[in-house]
């Protein structure tokens, strides 16, 4: 009987990476079908054919597995937002596309994979490192965009840039935070254009 819980030393390096990837893939499938809250580590162990103790050699908790899945989802969202910004020419157009990409990427996860969206809600509600890092990434993108706009003369330069970035981030926040996004879904058709237009008027030199 092939039992991964034998006392042999756990292999390190690429083998570890493969096992972690296998656990994350199985967890992603289970969370998609049954939800994060309803899935236990024992459920994942049965699905993969590992023991629960063996899984704990690679992840200290179910949340640690959720963190990995959440990080993967958020990195995809960040890539989509970055691609939308980079595809635009002028800083004002970059800001418009950033707003729209934030809303669109959140809605894709919300509407197309509701069970995985539950992980994002847990991450935001409980301030997981992945959620904190995601918000920091968005703030950094925004700050870079504002600097470009000031250098090009498209945006005003009188207000401290950190203050400007913080204010715009607060406008974006209902569409970045998955907990609030589900309550704002009735406004997502109009929000990107209307809010970015309002912000851009405030940024005029």
Protein backbone atom coordinates (compact mmCIF):
# COMPACT_ATOMS: atom_id res chain seq x y z
CA UNK A 1 0.00 0.00 0.00
CA UNK A 2 1.45 3.28 -1.11
CA UNK A 3 1.02 5.65 1.84
CA UNK A 4 2.60 9.11 1.62
CA UNK A 5 2.63 9.36 5.43
CA UNK A 6 5.59 6.97 5.81
CA UNK A 7 8.46 8.06 8.03
CA UNK A 8 10.80 8.59 5.06
CA UNK A 9 12.15 12.16 4.89
CA UNK A 10 9.99 14.51 2.85
CA UNK A 11 11.76 15.23 -0.46
CA UNK A 12 12.80 18.83 -1.01
CA UNK A 13 13.04 20.96 -4.11
CA UNK A 14 11.02 20.32 -7.31
CA UNK A 15 9.16 17.36 -5.77
CA UNK A 16 7.85 19.59 -2.99
CA UNK A 17 6.72 22.14 -5.53
CA UNK A 18 4.85 19.47 -7.51
CA UNK A 19 3.03 18.19 -4.44
CA UNK A 20 2.06 21.71 -3.35
CA UNK A 21 0.77 22.42 -6.86
CA UNK A 22 -1.23 19.19 -6.78
CA UNK A 23 -2.80 20.11 -3.45
CA UNK A 24 -3.64 23.62 -4.66
CA UNK A 25 -5.19 22.28 -7.89
CA UNK A 26 -7.36 19.80 -5.95
CA UNK A 27 -8.33 22.48 -3.46
CA UNK A 28 -9.26 24.91 -6.22
CA UNK A 29 -11.55 22.30 -7.76
CA UNK A 30 -13.16 21.46 -4.42
CA UNK A 31 -13.63 25.07 -3.40
CA UNK A 32 -15.18 25.80 -6.83
CA UNK A 33 -17.72 23.01 -6.33
CA UNK A 34 -18.44 23.08 -2.61
CA UNK A 35 -17.19 26.42 -1.34
CA UNK A 36 -14.30 27.35 0.89
CA UNK A 37 -16.19 27.17 4.18
CA UNK A 38 -17.72 23.74 3.53
CA UNK A 39 -14.50 22.06 2.39
CA UNK A 40 -12.22 20.54 5.02
CA UNK A 41 -8.60 19.44 4.79
CA UNK A 42 -9.91 15.89 5.16
CA UNK A 43 -12.04 16.39 2.03
CA UNK A 44 -8.97 17.55 0.11
CA UNK A 45 -6.91 14.62 1.39
CA UNK A 46 -9.53 12.13 0.14
CA UNK A 47 -9.72 13.85 -3.25
CA UNK A 48 -5.95 13.72 -3.78
CA UNK A 49 -5.37 10.33 -2.17
CA UNK A 50 -3.09 11.74 0.51
CA UNK A 51 -3.50 11.65 4.24
CA UNK A 52 -4.45 14.80 6.09
CA UNK A 53 -1.13 14.63 7.97
CA UNK A 54 0.77 14.60 4.68
CA UNK A 55 -1.04 17.73 3.47
CA UNK A 56 -0.10 19.45 6.71
CA UNK A 57 3.55 18.89 5.82
CA UNK A 58 3.07 21.38 2.99
CA UNK A 59 0.37 23.72 4.32
CA UNK A 60 -0.12 24.54 7.98
CA UNK A 61 -3.88 25.10 7.62
CA UNK A 62 -6.80 25.29 5.21
CA UNK A 63 -6.36 29.06 5.22
CA UNK A 64 -2.78 28.63 3.97
CA UNK A 65 -4.15 26.68 1.00
CA UNK A 66 -6.81 29.34 0.50
CA UNK A 67 -4.09 31.98 0.63
CA UNK A 68 -2.25 30.30 -2.25
CA UNK A 69 -5.42 30.07 -4.34
CA UNK A 70 -6.39 33.63 -3.51
CA UNK A 71 -2.91 34.87 -4.41
CA UNK A 72 -3.14 33.12 -7.78
CA UNK A 73 -6.54 34.71 -8.52
CA UNK A 74 -5.41 38.16 -7.42
CA UNK A 75 -2.23 37.96 -9.50
CA UNK A 76 -4.38 37.24 -12.56
CA UNK A 77 -6.53 40.26 -11.74
CA UNK A 78 -3.45 42.44 -11.29
CA UNK A 79 -2.10 41.26 -14.66
CA UNK A 80 -5.42 42.14 -16.34
CA UNK A 81 -5.43 45.60 -14.76
CA UNK A 82 -1.78 46.22 -15.65
CA UNK A 83 -2.38 45.11 -19.25
CA UNK A 84 -5.36 47.46 -19.56
CA UNK A 85 -3.33 50.38 -18.23
CA UNK A 86 -0.30 49.64 -20.40
CA UNK A 87 -2.47 49.39 -23.53
CA UNK A 88 -3.68 52.97 -23.15
CA UNK A 89 -1.79 55.96 -24.48
CA UNK A 90 -2.38 59.02 -22.32
CA UNK A 91 -2.54 59.05 -18.51
CA UNK A 92 -6.24 60.08 -18.50
CA UNK A 93 -7.09 57.11 -20.71
CA UNK A 94 -4.94 54.86 -18.52
CA UNK A 95 -6.99 55.94 -15.50
CA UNK A 96 -10.27 55.25 -17.30
CA UNK A 97 -9.07 51.80 -18.29
CA UNK A 98 -7.79 51.11 -14.80
CA UNK A 99 -11.23 51.80 -13.33
CA UNK A 100 -12.92 49.58 -15.89
CA UNK A 101 -10.40 46.74 -15.54
CA UNK A 102 -10.78 46.75 -11.74
CA UNK A 103 -14.55 46.39 -12.06
CA UNK A 104 -14.42 43.85 -14.89
CA UNK A 105 -11.83 41.59 -13.23
CA UNK A 106 -13.76 41.57 -9.95
CA UNK A 107 -17.04 40.78 -11.70
CA UNK A 108 -15.49 37.92 -13.65
CA UNK A 109 -14.54 36.19 -10.43
CA UNK A 110 -17.83 37.17 -8.76
CA UNK A 111 -20.10 35.97 -11.57
CA UNK A 112 -18.18 33.08 -13.10
CA UNK A 113 -16.73 31.35 -10.05
CA UNK A 114 -18.91 32.25 -7.09
CA UNK A 115 -17.37 29.63 -4.81
CA UNK A 116 -13.85 30.93 -5.35
CA UNK A 117 -15.20 34.43 -4.84
CA UNK A 118 -16.01 33.29 -1.28
CA UNK A 119 -12.27 32.88 -0.70
CA UNK A 120 -11.68 36.45 -1.83
CA UNK A 121 -14.37 37.60 0.59
CA UNK A 122 -12.72 35.71 3.44
CA UNK A 123 -9.35 37.15 2.46
CA UNK A 124 -10.64 40.72 2.47
CA UNK A 125 -12.75 40.34 5.62
CA UNK A 126 -9.98 38.69 7.62
CA UNK A 127 -7.15 40.79 6.16
CA UNK A 128 -5.17 37.90 4.71
CA UNK A 129 -1.68 38.84 3.44
CA UNK A 130 -2.80 38.16 -0.16
CA UNK A 131 -5.61 40.73 0.13
CA UNK A 132 -3.32 43.30 1.74
CA UNK A 133 -0.71 42.77 -0.99
CA UNK A 134 -3.37 43.12 -3.70
CA UNK A 135 -4.55 46.46 -2.37
CA UNK A 136 -0.95 47.65 -2.09
CA UNK A 137 -0.35 46.64 -5.72
CA UNK A 138 -3.38 48.64 -6.91
CA UNK A 139 -2.27 51.67 -4.89
CA UNK A 140 1.21 51.45 -6.41
CA UNK A 141 -0.21 51.25 -9.95
CA UNK A 142 -2.34 54.29 -9.21
CA UNK A 143 0.59 56.25 -7.81
CA UNK A 144 2.70 55.45 -10.89
CA UNK A 145 -0.15 56.58 -13.15
CA UNK A 146 -0.53 59.88 -11.29
CA UNK A 147 3.20 60.56 -11.58
CA UNK A 148 3.00 59.96 -15.33
CA UNK A 149 0.04 62.33 -15.58
CA UNK A 150 1.86 65.06 -13.68
CA UNK A 151 4.97 64.68 -15.79
CA UNK A 152 2.91 64.88 -19.01
CA UNK A 153 0.97 67.92 -17.78
CA UNK A 154 -2.38 66.10 -17.85
CA UNK A 155 -2.87 66.22 -14.07
CA UNK A 156 -2.60 69.06 -11.56
CA UNK A 157 0.49 69.22 -9.36
CA UNK A 158 -0.61 71.36 -6.41
CA UNK A 159 -2.16 68.65 -4.23
CA UNK A 160 0.35 66.31 -2.52
CA UNK A 161 0.49 63.23 -4.68
CA UNK A 162 0.06 60.81 -1.76
CA UNK A 163 -3.12 62.64 -0.74
CA UNK A 164 -4.42 62.52 -4.30
CA UNK A 165 -3.66 58.81 -4.64
CA UNK A 166 -5.33 58.04 -1.31
CA UNK A 167 -8.49 59.94 -2.28
CA UNK A 168 -8.79 58.23 -5.68
CA UNK A 169 -8.17 54.85 -4.08
CA UNK A 170 -11.11 55.45 -1.77
CA UNK A 171 -13.29 56.06 -4.83
CA UNK A 172 -12.06 52.79 -6.34
CA UNK A 173 -12.26 50.80 -3.13
CA UNK A 174 -15.92 49.64 -3.41
CA UNK A 175 -14.96 47.89 -6.65
CA UNK A 176 -11.64 46.49 -5.37
CA UNK A 177 -12.92 45.00 -2.12
CA UNK A 178 -14.98 41.85 -2.90
CA UNK A 179 -17.13 42.29 0.21
CA UNK A 180 -18.33 45.69 -1.02
CA UNK A 181 -18.37 44.76 -4.72
CA UNK A 182 -21.21 42.29 -4.24
CA UNK A 183 -23.26 45.15 -2.75
CA UNK A 184 -22.32 47.53 -5.58
CA UNK A 185 -23.03 45.20 -8.49
CA UNK A 186 -26.11 47.19 -9.57
CA UNK A 187 -23.86 50.13 -10.43
CA UNK A 188 -21.03 48.40 -12.23
CA UNK A 189 -22.30 49.23 -15.74
CA UNK A 190 -22.10 52.97 -15.16
CA UNK A 191 -19.55 53.24 -12.36
CA UNK A 192 -16.25 52.97 -14.31
CA UNK A 193 -17.09 55.74 -16.78
CA UNK A 194 -18.87 58.03 -14.31
CA UNK A 195 -16.35 57.75 -11.49
CA UNK A 196 -13.29 57.99 -13.71
CA UNK A 197 -14.83 61.04 -15.38
CA UNK A 198 -15.41 62.68 -12.02
CA UNK A 199 -11.89 61.93 -10.87
CA UNK A 200 -10.34 63.18 -14.10
CA UNK A 201 -12.19 66.47 -13.81
CA UNK A 202 -10.74 66.89 -10.34
CA UNK A 203 -7.26 66.17 -11.70
CA UNK A 204 -7.37 68.82 -14.43
CA UNK A 205 -4.50 71.30 -14.21
